[in-house]
């Protein structure tokens, strides 16, 4: 499969994830990289009005995951571990997570991500390790729908 087709299929798969109906993020995948944008909703806030940590984790993990998945065309990846650093609170605005692949080898897949607010300030960062699952990527919901299938 051509790389660009794989990237569009990954984007279609991401949009099909049921969790994304709640967050409504947008994704762009490229070679060893992913960009995710999401508008902060009031429902993303904790009781003190700041962005809940689960949103930081989701955006950072997703961006790093899809940067890693951009290189794996056969198997669905799973997150094995992920370290998150919350550096600044935000109550509203557009969030942008940028993921990049750091290491891709048979025994080790590592990717990092940074999370920025609307003004371009870094509000979080994370890094994770990912592994190939036994699930073929083509069987994942939405994968292949970029070309009208699934």
C-alpha atoms as a PDB file:
ATOM      1  CA  UNK A   1       0.000   0.000   0.000  1.00  0.00           C
ATOM      2  CA  UNK A   2       1.214   3.485  -0.848  1.00  0.00           C
ATOM      3  CA  UNK A   3       2.178   5.575   2.205  1.00  0.00           C
ATOM      4  CA  UNK A   4      -0.321   8.381   1.454  1.00  0.00           C
ATOM      5  CA  UNK A   5      -3.185   5.894   1.228  1.00  0.00           C
ATOM      6  CA  UNK A   6      -2.111   4.370   4.555  1.00  0.00           C
ATOM      7  CA  UNK A   7      -2.086   7.840   6.164  1.00  0.00           C
ATOM      8  CA  UNK A   8      -5.616   8.632   4.883  1.00  0.00           C
ATOM      9  CA  UNK A   9      -6.822   5.207   6.088  1.00  0.00           C
ATOM     10  CA  UNK A  10      -5.379   5.904   9.549  1.00  0.00           C
ATOM     11  CA  UNK A  11      -7.201   9.252   9.595  1.00  0.00           C
ATOM     12  CA  UNK A  12     -10.466   7.517   8.631  1.00  0.00           C
ATOM     13  CA  UNK A  13      -9.900   4.894  11.339  1.00  0.00           C
ATOM     14  CA  UNK A  14      -9.324   7.630  13.930  1.00  0.00           C
ATOM     15  CA  UNK A  15     -12.578   9.354  13.023  1.00  0.00           C
ATOM     16  CA  UNK A  16     -14.464   6.044  13.408  1.00  0.00           C
ATOM     17  CA  UNK A  17     -13.291   5.575  16.998  1.00  0.00           C
ATOM     18  CA  UNK A  18     -16.425   5.906  19.176  1.00  0.00           C
ATOM     19  CA  UNK A  19     -14.578   8.060  21.752  1.00  0.00           C
ATOM     20  CA  UNK A  20     -13.968  10.694  19.093  1.00  0.00           C
ATOM     21  CA  UNK A  21     -17.698  11.386  18.789  1.00  0.00           C
ATOM     22  CA  UNK A  22     -17.341  13.045  22.216  1.00  0.00           C
ATOM     23  CA  UNK A  23     -14.100  14.965  21.598  1.00  0.00           C
ATOM     24  CA  UNK A  24     -14.581  15.734  17.856  1.00  0.00           C
ATOM     25  CA  UNK A  25     -10.843  16.021  17.070  1.00  0.00           C
ATOM     26  CA  UNK A  26      -9.320  16.491  13.621  1.00  0.00           C
ATOM     27  CA  UNK A  27      -6.222  14.527  12.563  1.00  0.00           C
ATOM     28  CA  UNK A  28      -3.578  14.682   9.852  1.00  0.00           C
ATOM     29  CA  UNK A  29      -1.066  11.830   9.540  1.00  0.00           C
ATOM     30  CA  UNK A  30       2.208  11.998   7.608  1.00  0.00           C
ATOM     31  CA  UNK A  31       5.492  10.069   7.589  1.00  0.00           C
ATOM     32  CA  UNK A  32       6.500   9.616  11.232  1.00  0.00           C
ATOM     33  CA  UNK A  33       4.193  12.414  12.376  1.00  0.00           C
ATOM     34  CA  UNK A  34       0.630  13.252  13.356  1.00  0.00           C
ATOM     35  CA  UNK A  35      -1.193  16.498  14.086  1.00  0.00           C
ATOM     36  CA  UNK A  36      -4.406  16.516  16.121  1.00  0.00           C
ATOM     37  CA  UNK A  37      -6.558  19.552  16.822  1.00  0.00           C
ATOM     38  CA  UNK A  38      -9.489  19.797  19.192  1.00  0.00           C
ATOM     39  CA  UNK A  39     -11.569  22.666  20.531  1.00  0.00           C
ATOM     40  CA  UNK A  40     -11.873  22.659  24.346  1.00  0.00           C
ATOM     41  CA  UNK A  41     -15.490  22.198  25.420  1.00  0.00           C
ATOM     42  CA  UNK A  42     -16.933  23.025  28.829  1.00  0.00           C
ATOM     43  CA  UNK A  43     -17.522  19.286  29.313  1.00  0.00           C
ATOM     44  CA  UNK A  44     -13.706  18.756  29.208  1.00  0.00           C
ATOM     45  CA  UNK A  45     -13.197  20.777  32.412  1.00  0.00           C
ATOM     46  CA  UNK A  46     -12.739  19.639  35.989  1.00  0.00           C
ATOM     47  CA  UNK A  47     -14.676  21.236  38.868  1.00  0.00           C
ATOM     48  CA  UNK A  48     -12.256  24.195  39.109  1.00  0.00           C
ATOM     49  CA  UNK A  49     -12.734  25.098  35.431  1.00  0.00           C
ATOM     50  CA  UNK A  50      -9.418  23.862  34.015  1.00  0.00           C
ATOM     51  CA  UNK A  51      -8.820  21.247  31.365  1.00  0.00           C
ATOM     52  CA  UNK A  52      -9.103  17.726  32.822  1.00  0.00           C
ATOM     53  CA  UNK A  53      -5.934  15.624  32.642  1.00  0.00           C
ATOM     54  CA  UNK A  54      -7.657  12.934  30.586  1.00  0.00           C
ATOM     55  CA  UNK A  55      -7.809  15.388  27.659  1.00  0.00           C
ATOM     56  CA  UNK A  56      -4.054  16.018  27.854  1.00  0.00           C
ATOM     57  CA  UNK A  57      -3.445  12.274  27.899  1.00  0.00           C
ATOM     58  CA  UNK A  58      -5.818  11.534  25.022  1.00  0.00           C
ATOM     59  CA  UNK A  59      -4.393  14.167  22.719  1.00  0.00           C
ATOM     60  CA  UNK A  60      -0.761  13.341  23.505  1.00  0.00           C
ATOM     61  CA  UNK A  61      -1.240   9.575  23.298  1.00  0.00           C
ATOM     62  CA  UNK A  62      -3.250   9.844  20.074  1.00  0.00           C
ATOM     63  CA  UNK A  63      -0.675  12.091  18.379  1.00  0.00           C
ATOM     64  CA  UNK A  64       2.241   9.860  19.401  1.00  0.00           C
ATOM     65  CA  UNK A  65       0.295   6.694  18.529  1.00  0.00           C
ATOM     66  CA  UNK A  66      -0.556   7.822  15.002  1.00  0.00           C
ATOM     67  CA  UNK A  67       2.996   9.046  14.393  1.00  0.00           C
ATOM     68  CA  UNK A  68       4.095   5.488  15.249  1.00  0.00           C
ATOM     69  CA  UNK A  69       1.252   3.881  13.275  1.00  0.00           C
ATOM     70  CA  UNK A  70       2.299   5.833  10.185  1.00  0.00           C
ATOM     71  CA  UNK A  71       5.186   3.358   9.852  1.00  0.00           C
ATOM     72  CA  UNK A  72       3.256   0.144  10.616  1.00  0.00           C
ATOM     73  CA  UNK A  73       1.072  -0.959   7.706  1.00  0.00           C
ATOM     74  CA  UNK A  74       0.181  -4.491   8.763  1.00  0.00           C
ATOM     75  CA  UNK A  75      -0.744  -4.582  12.463  1.00  0.00           C
ATOM     76  CA  UNK A  76      -2.804  -2.440  14.796  1.00  0.00           C
ATOM     77  CA  UNK A  77      -0.539  -0.933  17.459  1.00  0.00           C
ATOM     78  CA  UNK A  78      -1.298  -0.723  21.174  1.00  0.00           C
ATOM     79  CA  UNK A  79       0.084   1.678  23.752  1.00  0.00           C
ATOM     80  CA  UNK A  80       2.324  -0.207  26.185  1.00  0.00           C
ATOM     81  CA  UNK A  81       3.289   2.749  28.375  1.00  0.00           C
ATOM     82  CA  UNK A  82       2.901   6.499  28.221  1.00  0.00           C
ATOM     83  CA  UNK A  83       4.424   9.251  30.370  1.00  0.00           C
ATOM     84  CA  UNK A  84       2.565  12.586  30.542  1.00  0.00           C
ATOM     85  CA  UNK A  85       3.737  15.980  31.793  1.00  0.00           C
ATOM     86  CA  UNK A  86       1.007  18.562  32.484  1.00  0.00           C
ATOM     87  CA  UNK A  87       2.658  21.971  32.323  1.00  0.00           C
ATOM     88  CA  UNK A  88      -0.084  24.575  32.056  1.00  0.00           C
ATOM     89  CA  UNK A  89      -3.839  24.696  32.570  1.00  0.00           C
ATOM     90  CA  UNK A  90      -6.195  25.984  29.903  1.00  0.00           C
ATOM     91  CA  UNK A  91      -9.926  26.677  30.307  1.00  0.00           C
ATOM     92  CA  UNK A  92     -10.823  27.087  26.618  1.00  0.00           C
ATOM     93  CA  UNK A  93      -9.561  27.407  23.058  1.00  0.00           C
ATOM     94  CA  UNK A  94      -8.082  25.233  20.356  1.00  0.00           C
ATOM     95  CA  UNK A  95      -5.576  22.555  21.347  1.00  0.00           C
ATOM     96  CA  UNK A  96      -2.936  21.216  18.956  1.00  0.00           C
ATOM     97  CA  UNK A  97      -0.979  18.015  19.593  1.00  0.00           C
ATOM     98  CA  UNK A  98       2.037  17.217  17.430  1.00  0.00           C
ATOM     99  CA  UNK A  99       3.376  13.679  17.512  1.00  0.00           C
ATOM    100  CA  UNK A 100       6.630  12.381  16.087  1.00  0.00           C
ATOM    101  CA  UNK A 101       8.166   8.967  15.747  1.00  0.00           C
ATOM    102  CA  UNK A 102      11.447   8.585  17.645  1.00  0.00           C
ATOM    103  CA  UNK A 103      12.341   4.887  17.192  1.00  0.00           C
ATOM    104  CA  UNK A 104      10.821   2.165  15.042  1.00  0.00           C
ATOM    105  CA  UNK A 105      12.343  -1.298  15.228  1.00  0.00           C
ATOM    106  CA  UNK A 106      10.939  -4.815  15.611  1.00  0.00           C
ATOM    107  CA  UNK A 107      11.346  -4.753  19.383  1.00  0.00           C
ATOM    108  CA  UNK A 108      10.813  -1.077  20.189  1.00  0.00           C
ATOM    109  CA  UNK A 109       8.482   1.636  18.903  1.00  0.00           C
ATOM    110  CA  UNK A 110       8.826   5.013  20.652  1.00  0.00           C
ATOM    111  CA  UNK A 111       7.010   8.245  19.857  1.00  0.00           C
ATOM    112  CA  UNK A 112       6.675  11.645  21.517  1.00  0.00           C
ATOM    113  CA  UNK A 113       4.079  14.399  21.441  1.00  0.00           C
ATOM    114  CA  UNK A 114       3.740  18.017  22.488  1.00  0.00           C
ATOM    115  CA  UNK A 115       0.456  19.785  23.262  1.00  0.00           C
ATOM    116  CA  UNK A 116      -0.031  23.499  22.568  1.00  0.00           C
ATOM    117  CA  UNK A 117      -2.759  26.022  23.333  1.00  0.00           C
ATOM    118  CA  UNK A 118      -4.241  28.546  20.916  1.00  0.00           C
ATOM    119  CA  UNK A 119      -1.359  30.988  21.544  1.00  0.00           C
ATOM    120  CA  UNK A 120       1.251  28.337  20.744  1.00  0.00           C
ATOM    121  CA  UNK A 121       2.327  27.839  24.366  1.00  0.00           C
ATOM    122  CA  UNK A 122       3.332  24.321  25.304  1.00  0.00           C
ATOM    123  CA  UNK A 123       0.849  23.030  27.879  1.00  0.00           C
ATOM    124  CA  UNK A 124       1.877  19.382  27.995  1.00  0.00           C
ATOM    125  CA  UNK A 125       4.169  16.736  26.591  1.00  0.00           C
ATOM    126  CA  UNK A 126       4.444  12.997  26.632  1.00  0.00           C
ATOM    127  CA  UNK A 127       6.280   9.986  25.310  1.00  0.00           C
ATOM    128  CA  UNK A 128       5.241   6.418  24.894  1.00  0.00           C
ATOM    129  CA  UNK A 129       6.155   2.962  23.783  1.00  0.00           C
ATOM    130  CA  UNK A 130       3.940   1.043  21.406  1.00  0.00           C
ATOM    131  CA  UNK A 131       3.758  -2.590  20.307  1.00  0.00           C
ATOM    132  CA  UNK A 132       2.245  -4.507  17.428  1.00  0.00           C
ATOM    133  CA  UNK A 133      -0.935  -6.334  18.422  1.00  0.00           C
ATOM    134  CA  UNK A 134      -2.097  -9.560  16.777  1.00  0.00           C
ATOM    135  CA  UNK A 135      -4.919  -7.576  15.101  1.00  0.00           C
ATOM    136  CA  UNK A 136      -4.467  -6.766  11.428  1.00  0.00           C
ATOM    137  CA  UNK A 137      -4.850  -3.022  10.820  1.00  0.00           C
ATOM    138  CA  UNK A 138      -7.175  -3.632   7.877  1.00  0.00           C
ATOM    139  CA  UNK A 139      -9.716  -5.185  10.272  1.00  0.00           C
ATOM    140  CA  UNK A 140      -9.905  -2.040  12.464  1.00  0.00           C
ATOM    141  CA  UNK A 141     -13.125  -0.023  12.180  1.00  0.00           C
ATOM    142  CA  UNK A 142     -12.798   2.662   9.539  1.00  0.00           C
ATOM    143  CA  UNK A 143      -9.423   1.590   8.162  1.00  0.00           C
ATOM    144  CA  UNK A 144      -9.822   1.470   4.407  1.00  0.00           C
ATOM    145  CA  UNK A 145     -12.833   3.805   4.391  1.00  0.00           C
ATOM    146  CA  UNK A 146     -10.665   6.624   3.031  1.00  0.00           C
ATOM    147  CA  UNK A 147     -11.104   4.958  -0.361  1.00  0.00           C
ATOM    148  CA  UNK A 148     -14.790   4.143   0.102  1.00  0.00           C
ATOM    149  CA  UNK A 149     -14.485   0.712   1.796  1.00  0.00           C
ATOM    150  CA  UNK A 150     -15.341  -0.433   5.351  1.00  0.00           C
END
